[in-house]
PDB file of all heavy atoms in Angstrom:
ATOM      1  N   THR A   1      99.903-163.657 -33.122  1.00  0.00           N
ATOM      2  CA  THR A   1     100.171-164.845 -32.209  1.00  0.00           C
ATOM      3  C   THR A   1      99.128-164.791 -30.910  1.00  0.00           C
ATOM      4  O   THR A   1      99.073-163.818 -30.332  1.00  0.00           O
ATOM      5  CB  THR A   1     101.492-164.979 -31.710  1.00  0.00           C
ATOM      6  OG1 THR A   1     102.486-164.973 -32.814  1.00  0.00           O
ATOM      7  CG2 THR A   1     101.803-166.051 -30.822  1.00  0.00           C
ATOM      8  N   PRO A   2      98.477-165.944 -30.728  1.00  0.00           N
ATOM      9  CA  PRO A   2      97.566-165.968 -29.524  1.00  0.00           C
ATOM     10  C   PRO A   2      98.282-165.525 -28.285  1.00  0.00           C
ATOM     11  O   PRO A   2      99.402-166.077 -28.014  1.00  0.00           O
ATOM     12  CB  PRO A   2      97.078-167.447 -29.533  1.00  0.00           C
ATOM     13  CG  PRO A   2      97.195-167.817 -30.921  1.00  0.00           C
ATOM     14  CD  PRO A   2      98.329-167.173 -31.567  1.00  0.00           C
ATOM     15  N   GLN A   3      97.764-164.729 -27.413  1.00  0.00           N
ATOM     16  CA  GLN A   3      98.263-164.215 -26.283  1.00  0.00           C
ATOM     17  C   GLN A   3      97.710-164.577 -24.869  1.00  0.00           C
ATOM     18  O   GLN A   3      98.218-164.365 -23.876  1.00  0.00           O
ATOM     19  CB  GLN A   3      98.273-162.667 -26.299  1.00  0.00           C
ATOM     20  CG  GLN A   3      99.016-161.962 -27.518  1.00  0.00           C
ATOM     21  CD  GLN A   3     100.510-162.223 -27.508  1.00  0.00           C
ATOM     22  OE1 GLN A   3     101.054-162.085 -26.412  1.00  0.00           O
ATOM     23  NE2 GLN A   3     100.969-162.537 -28.553  1.00  0.00           N
ATOM     24  N   LEU A   4      96.615-165.317 -25.010  1.00  0.00           N
ATOM     25  CA  LEU A   4      95.846-165.509 -23.622  1.00  0.00           C
ATOM     26  C   LEU A   4      96.194-166.793 -22.867  1.00  0.00           C
ATOM     27  O   LEU A   4      96.679-167.788 -23.550  1.00  0.00           O
ATOM     28  CB  LEU A   4      94.233-165.511 -23.928  1.00  0.00           C
ATOM     29  CG  LEU A   4      93.722-164.289 -24.593  1.00  0.00           C
ATOM     30  CD1 LEU A   4      92.196-164.528 -24.813  1.00  0.00           C
ATOM     31  CD2 LEU A   4      94.041-163.027 -23.772  1.00  0.00           C
ATOM     32  N   SER A   5      96.185-166.768 -21.602  1.00  0.00           N
ATOM     33  CA  SER A   5      96.295-167.883 -20.740  1.00  0.00           C
ATOM     34  C   SER A   5      95.110-168.772 -20.954  1.00  0.00           C
ATOM     35  O   SER A   5      94.084-168.333 -21.417  1.00  0.00           O
ATOM     36  CB  SER A   5      96.375-167.388 -19.342  1.00  0.00           C
ATOM     37  OG  SER A   5      95.122-166.763 -18.906  1.00  0.00           O
ATOM     38  N   PRO A   6      95.141-170.030 -20.319  1.00  0.00           N
ATOM     39  CA  PRO A   6      93.960-170.891 -20.503  1.00  0.00           C
ATOM     40  C   PRO A   6      92.733-170.193 -19.807  1.00  0.00           C
ATOM     41  O   PRO A   6      91.717-170.341 -20.364  1.00  0.00           O
ATOM     42  CB  PRO A   6      94.439-172.151 -19.653  1.00  0.00           C
ATOM     43  CG  PRO A   6      95.931-172.194 -19.881  1.00  0.00           C
ATOM     44  CD  PRO A   6      96.370-170.779 -19.938  1.00  0.00           C
ATOM     45  N   GLY A   7      92.877-169.477 -18.747  1.00  0.00           N
ATOM     46  CA  GLY A   7      91.844-168.729 -18.209  1.00  0.00           C
ATOM     47  C   GLY A   7      91.222-167.776 -19.038  1.00  0.00           C
ATOM     48  O   GLY A   7      90.016-167.559 -19.064  1.00  0.00           O
ATOM     49  N   GLY A   8      92.131-167.052 -19.730  1.00  0.00           N
ATOM     50  CA  GLY A   8      91.685-165.984 -20.658  1.00  0.00           C
ATOM     51  C   GLY A   8      90.908-166.609 -21.875  1.00  0.00           C
ATOM     52  O   GLY A   8      89.835-165.993 -22.227  1.00  0.00           O
ATOM     53  N   VAL A   9      91.299-167.696 -22.377  1.00  0.00           N
ATOM     54  CA  VAL A   9      90.704-168.380 -23.471  1.00  0.00           C
ATOM     55  C   VAL A   9      89.425-168.780 -23.085  1.00  0.00           C
ATOM     56  O   VAL A   9      88.348-168.632 -23.765  1.00  0.00           O
ATOM     57  CB  VAL A   9      91.474-169.568 -24.050  1.00  0.00           C
ATOM     58  CG1 VAL A   9      90.760-170.417 -25.042  1.00  0.00           C
ATOM     59  CG2 VAL A   9      92.867-169.166 -24.621  1.00  0.00           C
ATOM     60  N   ALA A  10      89.177-169.465 -21.873  1.00  0.00           N
ATOM     61  CA  ALA A  10      88.003-169.897 -21.492  1.00  0.00           C
ATOM     62  C   ALA A  10      86.971-168.749 -21.180  1.00  0.00           C
ATOM     63  O   ALA A  10      85.750-168.780 -21.551  1.00  0.00           O
ATOM     64  CB  ALA A  10      88.205-170.623 -20.101  1.00  0.00           C
ATOM     65  N   ALA A  11      87.429-167.521 -20.664  1.00  0.00           N
ATOM     66  CA  ALA A  11      86.569-166.494 -20.390  1.00  0.00           C
ATOM     67  C   ALA A  11      86.033-165.893 -21.750  1.00  0.00           C
ATOM     68  O   ALA A  11      84.904-165.550 -21.918  1.00  0.00           O
ATOM     69  CB  ALA A  11      87.270-165.434 -19.640  1.00  0.00           C
ATOM     70  N   LEU A  12      87.026-165.776 -22.626  1.00  0.00           N
ATOM     71  CA  LEU A  12      86.583-165.113 -23.984  1.00  0.00           C
ATOM     72  C   LEU A  12      85.578-165.964 -24.691  1.00  0.00           C
ATOM     73  O   LEU A  12      84.609-165.487 -25.135  1.00  0.00           O
ATOM     74  CB  LEU A  12      87.843-164.960 -24.815  1.00  0.00           C
ATOM     75  CG  LEU A  12      87.709-164.535 -26.252  1.00  0.00           C
ATOM     76  CD1 LEU A  12      87.025-163.130 -26.313  1.00  0.00           C
ATOM     77  CD2 LEU A  12      89.129-164.529 -26.980  1.00  0.00           C
ATOM     78  N   ASN A  13      85.752-167.292 -24.793  1.00  0.00           N
ATOM     79  CA  ASN A  13      84.910-168.152 -25.441  1.00  0.00           C
ATOM     80  C   ASN A  13      83.652-168.257 -24.778  1.00  0.00           C
ATOM     81  O   ASN A  13      82.534-168.449 -25.397  1.00  0.00           O
ATOM     82  CB  ASN A  13      85.545-169.418 -25.724  1.00  0.00           C
ATOM     83  CG  ASN A  13      86.570-169.397 -26.820  1.00  0.00           C
ATOM     84  OD1 ASN A  13      86.266-169.411 -28.015  1.00  0.00           O
ATOM     85  ND2 ASN A  13      87.888-169.168 -26.551  1.00  0.00           N
ATOM     86  N   MET A  14      83.574-168.108 -23.564  1.00  0.00           N
ATOM     87  CA  MET A  14      82.228-168.202 -22.713  1.00  0.00           C
ATOM     88  C   MET A  14      81.455-166.991 -23.069  1.00  0.00           C
ATOM     89  O   MET A  14      80.330-167.034 -23.258  1.00  0.00           O
ATOM     90  CB  MET A  14      82.473-168.370 -21.227  1.00  0.00           C
ATOM     91  CG  MET A  14      81.268-168.318 -20.384  1.00  0.00           C
ATOM     92  SD  MET A  14      80.559-166.882 -19.958  1.00  0.00           S
ATOM     93  CE  MET A  14      81.815-166.263 -18.811  1.00  0.00           C
ATOM     94  N   ILE A  15      82.177-165.787 -23.146  1.00  0.00           N
ATOM     95  CA  ILE A  15      81.398-164.540 -23.330  1.00  0.00           C
ATOM     96  C   ILE A  15      80.929-164.536 -24.755  1.00  0.00           C
ATOM     97  O   ILE A  15      79.819-164.114 -24.929  1.00  0.00           O
ATOM     98  CB  ILE A  15      82.504-163.407 -23.244  1.00  0.00           C
ATOM     99  CG1 ILE A  15      82.804-163.192 -21.717  1.00  0.00           C
ATOM    100  CG2 ILE A  15      81.895-162.103 -23.848  1.00  0.00           C
ATOM    101  CD1 ILE A  15      83.934-162.247 -21.433  1.00  0.00           C
ATOM    102  N   LEU A  16      81.509-165.200 -25.715  1.00  0.00           N
ATOM    103  CA  LEU A  16      81.135-165.259 -27.052  1.00  0.00           C
ATOM    104  C   LEU A  16      79.854-166.190 -27.342  1.00  0.00           C
ATOM    105  O   LEU A  16      79.413-166.257 -28.482  1.00  0.00           O
ATOM    106  CB  LEU A  16      82.191-165.502 -27.993  1.00  0.00           C
ATOM    107  CG  LEU A  16      83.272-164.460 -28.144  1.00  0.00           C
ATOM    108  CD1 LEU A  16      84.477-165.050 -28.906  1.00  0.00           C
ATOM    109  CD2 LEU A  16      82.749-163.321 -29.043  1.00  0.00           C
ATOM    110  N   THR A  17      79.439-166.842 -26.269  1.00  0.00           N
ATOM    111  CA  THR A  17      78.304-167.708 -26.410  1.00  0.00           C
ATOM    112  C   THR A  17      77.080-166.945 -26.579  1.00  0.00           C
ATOM    113  O   THR A  17      75.999-167.480 -26.991  1.00  0.00           O
ATOM    114  CB  THR A  17      78.204-168.776 -25.350  1.00  0.00           C
ATOM    115  OG1 THR A  17      78.084-168.085 -24.165  1.00  0.00           O
ATOM    116  CG2 THR A  17      79.407-169.613 -25.346  1.00  0.00           C
ATOM    117  N   ASP A  18      77.104-165.717 -26.095  1.00  0.00           N
ATOM    118  CA  ASP A  18      75.994-164.815 -26.152  1.00  0.00           C
ATOM    119  C   ASP A  18      75.865-164.274 -27.516  1.00  0.00           C
ATOM    120  O   ASP A  18      76.779-163.778 -28.141  1.00  0.00           O
ATOM    121  CB  ASP A  18      76.071-163.562 -25.204  1.00  0.00           C
ATOM    122  CG  ASP A  18      74.936-162.652 -25.281  1.00  0.00           C
ATOM    123  OD1 ASP A  18      73.909-162.891 -24.772  1.00  0.00           O
ATOM    124  OD2 ASP A  18      75.114-161.575 -25.811  1.00  0.00           O
ATOM    125  N   GLU A  19      74.668-164.385 -28.138  1.00  0.00           N
ATOM    126  CA  GLU A  19      74.323-164.106 -29.471  1.00  0.00           C
ATOM    127  C   GLU A  19      74.880-162.584 -29.861  1.00  0.00           C
ATOM    128  O   GLU A  19      75.441-162.344 -30.816  1.00  0.00           O
ATOM    129  CB  GLU A  19      73.003-164.352 -29.959  1.00  0.00           C
ATOM    130  CG  GLU A  19      72.850-164.333 -31.428  1.00  0.00           C
ATOM    131  CD  GLU A  19      73.391-165.335 -32.301  1.00  0.00           C
ATOM    132  OE1 GLU A  19      73.729-166.418 -31.697  1.00  0.00           O
ATOM    133  OE2 GLU A  19      73.776-165.199 -33.360  1.00  0.00           O
ATOM    134  N   THR A  20      74.253-161.598 -29.060  1.00  0.00           N
ATOM    135  CA  THR A  20      74.457-160.216 -29.326  1.00  0.00           C
ATOM    136  C   THR A  20      75.874-159.936 -29.124  1.00  0.00           C
ATOM    137  O   THR A  20      76.460-159.123 -29.959  1.00  0.00           O
ATOM    138  CB  THR A  20      73.505-159.391 -28.281  1.00  0.00           C
ATOM    139  OG1 THR A  20      72.235-159.733 -28.512  1.00  0.00           O
ATOM    140  CG2 THR A  20      73.754-157.907 -28.523  1.00  0.00           C
ATOM    141  N   THR A  21      76.519-160.386 -28.019  1.00  0.00           N
ATOM    142  CA  THR A  21      77.880-160.105 -27.905  1.00  0.00           C
ATOM    143  C   THR A  21      78.754-160.722 -29.058  1.00  0.00           C
ATOM    144  O   THR A  21      79.601-160.060 -29.488  1.00  0.00           O
ATOM    145  CB  THR A  21      78.340-160.682 -26.636  1.00  0.00           C
ATOM    146  OG1 THR A  21      77.532-160.210 -25.515  1.00  0.00           O
ATOM    147  CG2 THR A  21      79.768-160.574 -26.303  1.00  0.00           C
ATOM    148  N   ASN A  22      78.402-161.951 -29.520  1.00  0.00           N
ATOM    149  CA  ASN A  22      79.111-162.551 -30.566  1.00  0.00           C
ATOM    150  C   ASN A  22      78.909-161.594 -31.877  1.00  0.00           C
ATOM    151  O   ASN A  22      79.848-161.402 -32.629  1.00  0.00           O
ATOM    152  CB  ASN A  22      78.696-163.911 -30.938  1.00  0.00           C
ATOM    153  CG  ASN A  22      79.608-164.546 -31.908  1.00  0.00           C
ATOM    154  OD1 ASN A  22      80.809-164.719 -31.768  1.00  0.00           O
ATOM    155  ND2 ASN A  22      79.050-165.006 -33.036  1.00  0.00           N
ATOM    156  N   ASN A  23      77.793-161.142 -32.077  1.00  0.00           N
ATOM    157  CA  ASN A  23      77.525-160.163 -33.208  1.00  0.00           C
ATOM    158  C   ASN A  23      78.504-159.102 -33.119  1.00  0.00           C
ATOM    159  O   ASN A  23      79.049-158.435 -34.181  1.00  0.00           O
ATOM    160  CB  ASN A  23      76.068-159.704 -33.337  1.00  0.00           C
ATOM    161  CG  ASN A  23      75.228-160.917 -33.717  1.00  0.00           C
ATOM    162  OD1 ASN A  23      75.554-161.837 -34.346  1.00  0.00           O
ATOM    163  ND2 ASN A  23      73.918-160.649 -33.504  1.00  0.00           N
ATOM    164  N   ALA A  24      78.577-158.406 -31.985  1.00  0.00           N
ATOM    165  CA  ALA A  24      79.369-157.209 -31.751  1.00  0.00           C
ATOM    166  C   ALA A  24      80.809-157.487 -31.877  1.00  0.00           C
ATOM    167  O   ALA A  24      81.645-156.571 -32.034  1.00  0.00           O
ATOM    168  CB  ALA A  24      79.071-156.630 -30.357  1.00  0.00           C
ATOM    169  N   MET A  25      81.221-158.811 -31.668  1.00  0.00           N
ATOM    170  CA  MET A  25      82.615-159.136 -31.710  1.00  0.00           C
ATOM    171  C   MET A  25      83.041-159.917 -32.975  1.00  0.00           C
ATOM    172  O   MET A  25      83.809-160.784 -32.906  1.00  0.00           O
ATOM    173  CB  MET A  25      82.986-159.878 -30.440  1.00  0.00           C
ATOM    174  CG  MET A  25      82.821-158.931 -29.210  1.00  0.00           C
ATOM    175  SD  MET A  25      82.862-159.889 -27.521  1.00  0.00           S
ATOM    176  CE  MET A  25      84.586-160.596 -27.596  1.00  0.00           C
ATOM    177  N   GLY A  26      82.443-159.560 -34.083  1.00  0.00           N
ATOM    178  CA  GLY A  26      82.883-160.260 -35.336  1.00  0.00           C
ATOM    179  C   GLY A  26      81.900-161.265 -35.923  1.00  0.00           C
ATOM    180  O   GLY A  26      82.043-161.479 -37.092  1.00  0.00           O
ATOM    181  N   GLY A  27      80.966-161.695 -35.095  1.00  0.00           N
ATOM    182  CA  GLY A  27      79.897-162.512 -35.592  1.00  0.00           C
ATOM    183  C   GLY A  27      80.526-163.945 -36.159  1.00  0.00           C
ATOM    184  O   GLY A  27      79.905-164.443 -37.094  1.00  0.00           O
ATOM    185  N   THR A  28      81.654-164.328 -35.618  1.00  0.00           N
ATOM    186  CA  THR A  28      82.209-165.569 -36.167  1.00  0.00           C
ATOM    187  C   THR A  28      81.388-166.819 -35.760  1.00  0.00           C
ATOM    188  O   THR A  28      80.743-166.771 -34.607  1.00  0.00           O
ATOM    189  CB  THR A  28      83.785-165.634 -35.674  1.00  0.00           C
ATOM    190  OG1 THR A  28      83.675-165.409 -34.388  1.00  0.00           O
ATOM    191  CG2 THR A  28      84.494-164.458 -36.408  1.00  0.00           C
ATOM    192  N   ALA A  29      81.782-167.959 -36.418  1.00  0.00           N
ATOM    193  CA  ALA A  29      81.071-169.102 -35.998  1.00  0.00           C
ATOM    194  C   ALA A  29      81.337-169.503 -34.588  1.00  0.00           C
ATOM    195  O   ALA A  29      82.578-169.639 -34.151  1.00  0.00           O
ATOM    196  CB  ALA A  29      81.507-170.235 -36.941  1.00  0.00           C
ATOM    197  N   LYS A  30      80.394-169.946 -33.705  1.00  0.00           N
ATOM    198  CA  LYS A  30      80.634-170.195 -32.341  1.00  0.00           C
ATOM    199  C   LYS A  30      81.368-171.522 -32.138  1.00  0.00           C
ATOM    200  O   LYS A  30      81.960-171.684 -31.020  1.00  0.00           O
ATOM    201  CB  LYS A  30      79.277-170.220 -31.653  1.00  0.00           C
ATOM    202  CG  LYS A  30      78.611-168.924 -31.530  1.00  0.00           C
ATOM    203  CD  LYS A  30      77.347-168.970 -30.853  1.00  0.00           C
ATOM    204  CE  LYS A  30      76.633-167.705 -30.719  1.00  0.00           C
ATOM    205  NZ  LYS A  30      75.277-167.690 -30.021  1.00  0.00           N
ATOM    206  N   HIS A  31      81.388-172.456 -33.109  1.00  0.00           N
ATOM    207  CA  HIS A  31      82.089-173.638 -32.773  1.00  0.00           C
ATOM    208  C   HIS A  31      83.590-173.443 -32.907  1.00  0.00           C
ATOM    209  O   HIS A  31      84.350-174.444 -32.584  1.00  0.00           O
ATOM    210  CB  HIS A  31      81.547-174.692 -33.841  1.00  0.00           C
ATOM    211  CG  HIS A  31      81.984-174.506 -35.250  1.00  0.00           C
ATOM    212  ND1 HIS A  31      81.024-173.765 -36.052  1.00  0.00           N
ATOM    213  CD2 HIS A  31      83.047-174.837 -36.051  1.00  0.00           C
ATOM    214  CE1 HIS A  31      81.604-173.687 -37.238  1.00  0.00           C
ATOM    215  NE2 HIS A  31      82.786-174.345 -37.335  1.00  0.00           N
ATOM    216  N   ILE A  32      84.028-172.394 -33.432  1.00  0.00           N
ATOM    217  CA  ILE A  32      85.487-172.153 -33.592  1.00  0.00           C
ATOM    218  C   ILE A  32      85.995-171.575 -32.319  1.00  0.00           C
ATOM    219  O   ILE A  32      85.522-170.578 -31.847  1.00  0.00           O
ATOM    220  CB  ILE A  32      85.785-171.235 -34.898  1.00  0.00           C
ATOM    221  CG1 ILE A  32      85.291-171.818 -36.137  1.00  0.00           C
ATOM    222  CG2 ILE A  32      87.381-170.997 -34.884  1.00  0.00           C
ATOM    223  CD1 ILE A  32      85.346-170.831 -37.289  1.00  0.00           C
ATOM    224  N   GLU A  33      87.132-172.051 -31.809  1.00  0.00           N
ATOM    225  CA  GLU A  33      87.719-171.416 -30.556  1.00  0.00           C
ATOM    226  C   GLU A  33      88.452-170.177 -31.052  1.00  0.00           C
ATOM    227  O   GLU A  33      88.941-169.939 -32.154  1.00  0.00           O
ATOM    228  CB  GLU A  33      88.810-172.305 -30.043  1.00  0.00           C
ATOM    229  CG  GLU A  33      89.491-171.819 -28.782  1.00  0.00           C
ATOM    230  CD  GLU A  33      90.374-172.796 -28.079  1.00  0.00           C
ATOM    231  OE1 GLU A  33      89.857-173.601 -27.317  1.00  0.00           O
ATOM    232  OE2 GLU A  33      91.591-172.576 -28.296  1.00  0.00           O
ATOM    233  N   LYS A  34      88.289-169.172 -30.049  1.00  0.00           N
ATOM    234  CA  LYS A  34      88.893-167.904 -30.328  1.00  0.00           C
ATOM    235  C   LYS A  34      89.931-167.528 -29.317  1.00  0.00           C
ATOM    236  O   LYS A  34      89.899-168.153 -28.224  1.00  0.00           O
ATOM    237  CB  LYS A  34      87.769-166.691 -30.236  1.00  0.00           C
ATOM    238  CG  LYS A  34      86.445-166.963 -30.706  1.00  0.00           C
ATOM    239  CD  LYS A  34      86.504-167.328 -32.283  1.00  0.00           C
ATOM    240  CE  LYS A  34      85.071-167.405 -32.821  1.00  0.00           C
ATOM    241  NZ  LYS A  34      84.209-168.268 -32.230  1.00  0.00           N
ATOM    242  N   ASN A  35      90.961-166.758 -29.799  1.00  0.00           N
ATOM    243  CA  ASN A  35      91.985-166.209 -28.878  1.00  0.00           C
ATOM    244  C   ASN A  35      92.068-164.867 -29.154  1.00  0.00           C
ATOM    245  O   ASN A  35      91.256-164.259 -29.768  1.00  0.00           O
ATOM    246  CB  ASN A  35      93.282-167.117 -29.013  1.00  0.00           C
ATOM    247  CG  ASN A  35      94.210-167.082 -27.862  1.00  0.00           C
ATOM    248  OD1 ASN A  35      94.631-166.029 -27.303  1.00  0.00           O
ATOM    249  ND2 ASN A  35      94.444-168.295 -27.333  1.00  0.00           N
ATOM    250  N   TRP A  36      93.131-164.215 -28.544  1.00  0.00           N
ATOM    251  CA  TRP A  36      93.422-162.685 -28.840  1.00  0.00           C
ATOM    252  C   TRP A  36      94.824-162.482 -29.114  1.00  0.00           C
ATOM    253  O   TRP A  36      95.724-163.036 -28.459  1.00  0.00           O
ATOM    254  CB  TRP A  36      92.920-161.906 -27.658  1.00  0.00           C
ATOM    255  CG  TRP A  36      92.795-160.459 -27.887  1.00  0.00           C
ATOM    256  CD1 TRP A  36      93.723-159.475 -27.932  1.00  0.00           C
ATOM    257  CD2 TRP A  36      91.721-159.749 -28.303  1.00  0.00           C
ATOM    258  NE1 TRP A  36      93.186-158.259 -28.414  1.00  0.00           N
ATOM    259  CE2 TRP A  36      91.808-158.447 -28.603  1.00  0.00           C
ATOM    260  CE3 TRP A  36      90.236-160.233 -28.472  1.00  0.00           C
ATOM    261  CZ2 TRP A  36      90.901-157.471 -28.965  1.00  0.00           C
ATOM    262  CZ3 TRP A  36      89.272-159.364 -28.858  1.00  0.00           C
ATOM    263  CH2 TRP A  36      89.479-158.091 -29.042  1.00  0.00           C
ATOM    264  N   GLY A  37      95.048-161.671 -30.183  1.00  0.00           N
ATOM    265  CA  GLY A  37      96.450-161.323 -30.464  1.00  0.00           C
ATOM    266  C   GLY A  37      96.831-160.112 -29.832  1.00  0.00           C
ATOM    267  O   GLY A  37      96.427-159.862 -28.651  1.00  0.00           O
ATOM    268  N   LEU A  38      97.683-159.251 -30.408  1.00  0.00           N
ATOM    269  CA  LEU A  38      97.944-157.922 -29.897  1.00  0.00           C
ATOM    270  C   LEU A  38      97.175-156.807 -30.525  1.00  0.00           C
ATOM    271  O   LEU A  38      97.443-155.653 -30.153  1.00  0.00           O
ATOM    272  CB  LEU A  38      99.375-157.690 -30.017  1.00  0.00           C
ATOM    273  CG  LEU A  38     100.322-158.658 -29.347  1.00  0.00           C
ATOM    274  CD1 LEU A  38     101.794-158.444 -29.585  1.00  0.00           C
ATOM    275  CD2 LEU A  38     100.215-158.422 -27.756  1.00  0.00           C
ATOM    276  N   GLY A  39      96.099-157.225 -31.466  1.00  0.00           N
ATOM    277  CA  GLY A  39      95.352-156.188 -32.016  1.00  0.00           C
ATOM    278  C   GLY A  39      93.922-156.541 -32.280  1.00  0.00           C
ATOM    279  O   GLY A  39      93.076-155.639 -32.791  1.00  0.00           O
ATOM    280  N   GLY A  40      93.519-157.750 -31.873  1.00  0.00           N
ATOM    281  CA  GLY A  40      92.127-158.098 -32.264  1.00  0.00           C
ATOM    282  C   GLY A  40      91.925-159.576 -31.903  1.00  0.00           C
ATOM    283  O   GLY A  40      92.791-160.354 -31.470  1.00  0.00           O
ATOM    284  N   LEU A  41      90.670-159.969 -32.151  1.00  0.00           N
ATOM    285  CA  LEU A  41      90.319-161.301 -32.018  1.00  0.00           C
ATOM    286  C   LEU A  41      90.888-162.335 -32.974  1.00  0.00           C
ATOM    287  O   LEU A  41      90.996-161.875 -34.138  1.00  0.00           O
ATOM    288  CB  LEU A  41      88.706-161.377 -32.040  1.00  0.00           C
ATOM    289  CG  LEU A  41      87.987-162.794 -31.716  1.00  0.00           C
ATOM    290  CD1 LEU A  41      87.922-162.899 -30.113  1.00  0.00           C
ATOM    291  CD2 LEU A  41      86.687-162.794 -32.206  1.00  0.00           C
ATOM    292  N   LEU A  42      91.299-163.445 -32.526  1.00  0.00           N
ATOM    293  CA  LEU A  42      91.977-164.460 -33.572  1.00  0.00           C
ATOM    294  C   LEU A  42      91.153-165.679 -33.648  1.00  0.00           C
ATOM    295  O   LEU A  42      90.716-166.340 -32.571  1.00  0.00           O
ATOM    296  CB  LEU A  42      93.341-164.830 -33.040  1.00  0.00           C
ATOM    297  CG  LEU A  42      94.422-163.735 -33.089  1.00  0.00           C
ATOM    298  CD1 LEU A  42      95.744-164.252 -32.521  1.00  0.00           C
ATOM    299  CD2 LEU A  42      94.646-163.282 -34.528  1.00  0.00           C
TER     300      LEU A  42
END
C-alpha cells in the first residue's frame, strides 16, 4: 500500500526524473507515477 505524503510523492518522482537515478531505482517508465510501500518502490 502506498505510504507517502503528497510531499513525499512529489520528492520521489522529482528525483526519478534523473536518468541515472531512475536506472538505479528500477528503470521504470518515467511517465508512471511512483510511490513507496513498506518494502520498495510502487
